[in-house]
Protein backbone atom coordinates (compact mmCIF):
# COMPACT_ATOMS: atom_id res chain seq x y z
CA UNK A 1 -25.86 20.57 5.81
CA UNK A 2 -22.26 21.72 5.35
CA UNK A 3 -21.15 18.47 7.02
CA UNK A 4 -23.09 16.52 4.39
CA UNK A 5 -21.34 18.35 1.57
CA UNK A 6 -17.92 18.05 3.23
CA UNK A 7 -18.33 14.30 3.60
CA UNK A 8 -19.49 14.07 -0.02
CA UNK A 9 -16.39 15.97 -1.18
CA UNK A 10 -14.17 13.66 0.86
CA UNK A 11 -15.69 10.67 -0.96
CA UNK A 12 -15.19 12.13 -4.43
CA UNK A 13 -11.92 10.31 -5.32
CA UNK A 14 -13.41 6.96 -4.28
CA UNK A 15 -16.62 7.69 -6.19
CA UNK A 16 -14.62 8.53 -9.29
CA UNK A 17 -12.71 5.22 -9.04
CA UNK A 18 -15.93 3.26 -8.69
CA UNK A 19 -17.49 5.16 -11.60
CA UNK A 20 -14.44 4.33 -13.72
CA UNK A 21 -14.78 0.66 -12.80
CA UNK A 22 -18.43 0.69 -13.85
CA UNK A 23 -18.21 2.81 -16.98
CA UNK A 24 -14.89 1.56 -18.39
CA UNK A 25 -14.41 4.99 -19.98
CA UNK A 26 -13.06 8.12 -18.27
CA UNK A 27 -15.55 10.52 -19.86
CA UNK A 28 -18.53 8.26 -19.12
CA UNK A 29 -17.23 7.80 -15.57
CA UNK A 30 -17.10 11.57 -15.04
CA UNK A 31 -20.67 11.88 -16.34
CA UNK A 32 -21.81 9.06 -14.08
CA UNK A 33 -20.12 10.65 -11.07
CA UNK A 34 -21.83 13.96 -11.79
CA UNK A 35 -25.25 12.31 -12.14
CA UNK A 36 -24.78 10.44 -8.85
CA UNK A 37 -23.68 13.59 -7.04
CA UNK A 38 -26.66 15.52 -8.39
CA UNK A 39 -29.04 12.79 -7.22
CA UNK A 40 -27.40 12.72 -3.80
CA UNK A 41 -27.65 16.48 -3.40
CA UNK A 42 -31.29 16.46 -4.47
CA UNK A 43 -32.18 13.68 -2.07
CA UNK A 44 -29.91 14.59 0.84
CA UNK A 45 -32.92 14.49 3.15
CA UNK A 46 -33.18 10.73 2.60
CA UNK A 47 -29.64 10.10 3.88
CA UNK A 48 -29.60 9.05 7.52
CA UNK A 49 -26.87 10.86 9.51
CA UNK A 50 -24.72 8.33 11.34
CA UNK A 51 -24.90 5.80 8.51
CA UNK A 52 -22.16 5.16 5.97
CA UNK A 53 -22.35 7.73 3.24
CA UNK A 54 -20.01 5.75 0.99
CA UNK A 55 -22.39 2.78 0.80
CA UNK A 56 -25.30 5.13 0.15
CA UNK A 57 -23.38 6.87 -2.64
CA UNK A 58 -22.18 3.59 -4.20
CA UNK A 59 -25.79 2.42 -4.38
CA UNK A 60 -26.90 5.71 -5.98
CA UNK A 61 -24.04 5.47 -8.47
CA UNK A 62 -24.70 1.84 -9.35
CA UNK A 63 -28.41 2.48 -9.85
CA UNK A 64 -27.60 5.53 -11.99
CA UNK A 65 -25.27 3.40 -14.10
CA UNK A 66 -27.95 0.77 -14.59
CA UNK A 67 -30.44 3.48 -15.61
CA UNK A 68 -27.92 5.02 -18.01
CA UNK A 69 -27.00 1.69 -19.56
CA UNK A 70 -30.64 0.84 -20.17
CA UNK A 71 -31.65 4.11 -21.80
CA UNK A 72 -28.47 5.15 -23.58
CA UNK A 73 -27.66 5.44 -27.21
CA UNK A 74 -24.08 6.16 -28.09
CA UNK A 75 -23.27 9.80 -28.91
CA UNK A 76 -21.01 10.83 -31.73
CA UNK A 77 -17.36 9.91 -31.33
CA UNK A 78 -15.11 12.44 -29.67
CA UNK A 79 -12.30 14.16 -31.53
CA UNK A 80 -9.61 12.76 -29.26
CA UNK A 81 -9.64 9.29 -27.79
CA UNK A 82 -10.54 9.46 -24.09
CA UNK A 83 -7.51 7.34 -23.21
CA UNK A 84 -5.16 10.05 -24.53
CA UNK A 85 -5.51 12.22 -21.42
CA UNK A 86 -5.35 9.56 -18.72
CA UNK A 87 -1.66 10.04 -17.96
CA UNK A 88 -1.69 13.84 -17.93
CA UNK A 89 -0.57 15.14 -14.57
CA UNK A 90 0.11 11.68 -13.17
CA UNK A 91 3.25 11.28 -11.13
CA UNK A 92 5.54 8.32 -11.58
CA UNK A 93 7.59 6.84 -14.33
CA UNK A 94 6.64 5.15 -17.51
CA UNK A 95 6.93 1.73 -15.88
CA UNK A 96 4.33 2.60 -13.23
CA UNK A 97 1.97 3.88 -15.92
CA UNK A 98 2.41 0.65 -17.89
CA UNK A 99 1.65 -1.46 -14.83
CA UNK A 100 -1.41 0.63 -14.00
CA UNK A 101 -2.49 0.36 -17.62
CA UNK A 102 -2.20 -3.43 -17.48
CA UNK A 103 -4.22 -3.56 -14.26
CA UNK A 104 -6.85 -1.24 -15.71
CA UNK A 105 -7.10 -3.36 -18.87
CA UNK A 106 -7.46 -6.51 -16.77
CA UNK A 107 -10.20 -4.88 -14.67
CA UNK A 108 -12.06 -3.71 -17.77
CA UNK A 109 -11.95 -7.22 -19.24
CA UNK A 110 -13.89 -8.62 -16.27
CA UNK A 111 -17.64 -9.17 -16.61
CA UNK A 112 -19.71 -6.39 -15.01
CA UNK A 113 -20.68 -8.43 -11.95
CA UNK A 114 -17.10 -9.42 -11.15
CA UNK A 115 -15.75 -5.93 -11.82
CA UNK A 116 -18.30 -4.38 -9.43
CA UNK A 117 -17.39 -6.85 -6.67
CA UNK A 118 -13.64 -6.39 -7.13
CA UNK A 119 -13.97 -2.59 -7.25
CA UNK A 120 -16.01 -2.39 -4.07
CA UNK A 121 -14.07 -4.91 -1.97
CA UNK A 122 -10.48 -4.81 -3.24
CA UNK A 123 -10.23 -1.23 -4.48
CA UNK A 124 -12.63 0.64 -2.21
CA UNK A 125 -12.09 -1.55 0.85
CA UNK A 126 -15.73 -2.23 1.70
CA UNK A 127 -16.51 -5.19 3.93
CA UNK A 128 -18.20 -8.11 2.20
CA UNK A 129 -21.54 -7.34 3.89
CA UNK A 130 -21.39 -3.67 2.88
CA UNK A 131 -20.50 -4.53 -0.72
CA UNK A 132 -23.27 -7.14 -0.85
CA UNK A 133 -25.74 -4.53 0.43
CA UNK A 134 -24.60 -2.00 -2.19
CA UNK A 135 -25.00 -4.57 -4.97
CA UNK A 136 -28.22 -5.92 -3.41
CA UNK A 137 -26.99 -9.54 -3.55
CA UNK A 138 -26.35 -12.23 -0.91
CA UNK A 139 -22.85 -12.40 0.60
CA UNK A 140 -22.32 -15.84 -0.93
CA UNK A 141 -22.96 -14.45 -4.41
CA UNK A 142 -20.56 -11.57 -3.73
CA UNK A 143 -17.90 -14.01 -2.53
CA UNK A 144 -18.31 -16.15 -5.63
CA UNK A 145 -18.02 -13.14 -7.95
CA UNK A 146 -15.01 -11.89 -6.02
CA UNK A 147 -13.19 -15.24 -6.23
CA UNK A 148 -13.84 -15.53 -9.96
CA UNK A 149 -12.80 -11.90 -10.48
CA UNK A 150 -9.55 -12.36 -8.55
CA UNK A 151 -8.73 -15.53 -10.51
CA UNK A 152 -9.39 -13.79 -13.81
CA UNK A 153 -7.21 -10.83 -12.80
CA UNK A 154 -4.34 -13.09 -11.73
CA UNK A 155 -4.60 -15.08 -14.96
CA UNK A 156 -4.70 -11.95 -17.09
CA UNK A 157 -1.82 -10.31 -15.22
CA UNK A 158 0.25 -13.51 -15.30
CA UNK A 159 0.55 -13.91 -11.54
CA UNK A 160 0.57 -17.25 -9.76
CA UNK A 161 -2.51 -17.97 -7.67
């Protein structure tokens, strides 16, 4: 089972990105990632070796997010805004951080369905079929959400189509 855990650790940066795309908040994304990892470790026997672990984990994470969103009541506000620590330890100049901030804001402005499609296909690099399977939707629906998401991002970022 060490191979299972090694593969899970390799996926961690991608899982954190997807969690951030779903949760829209760094602290909530970290919590979501932890919940998904706990569920995966508890149910490692249900994972089929030889299959794509990333798709399996994205599905666990998405289902965990749906469960959390349904049952959640907001906790007390934190002392420091979660956005205050996003740039700590990041390499690059102020301009790169501003561009990334603009892209992040544009992603967060997308409706949930479009943001999930864009995150899985454009950010995580999943094939359309794999992303459609993770989201449990037909490929045509995924394509439609992806096109609308791309158009909204280009409009928001001021790029020509």
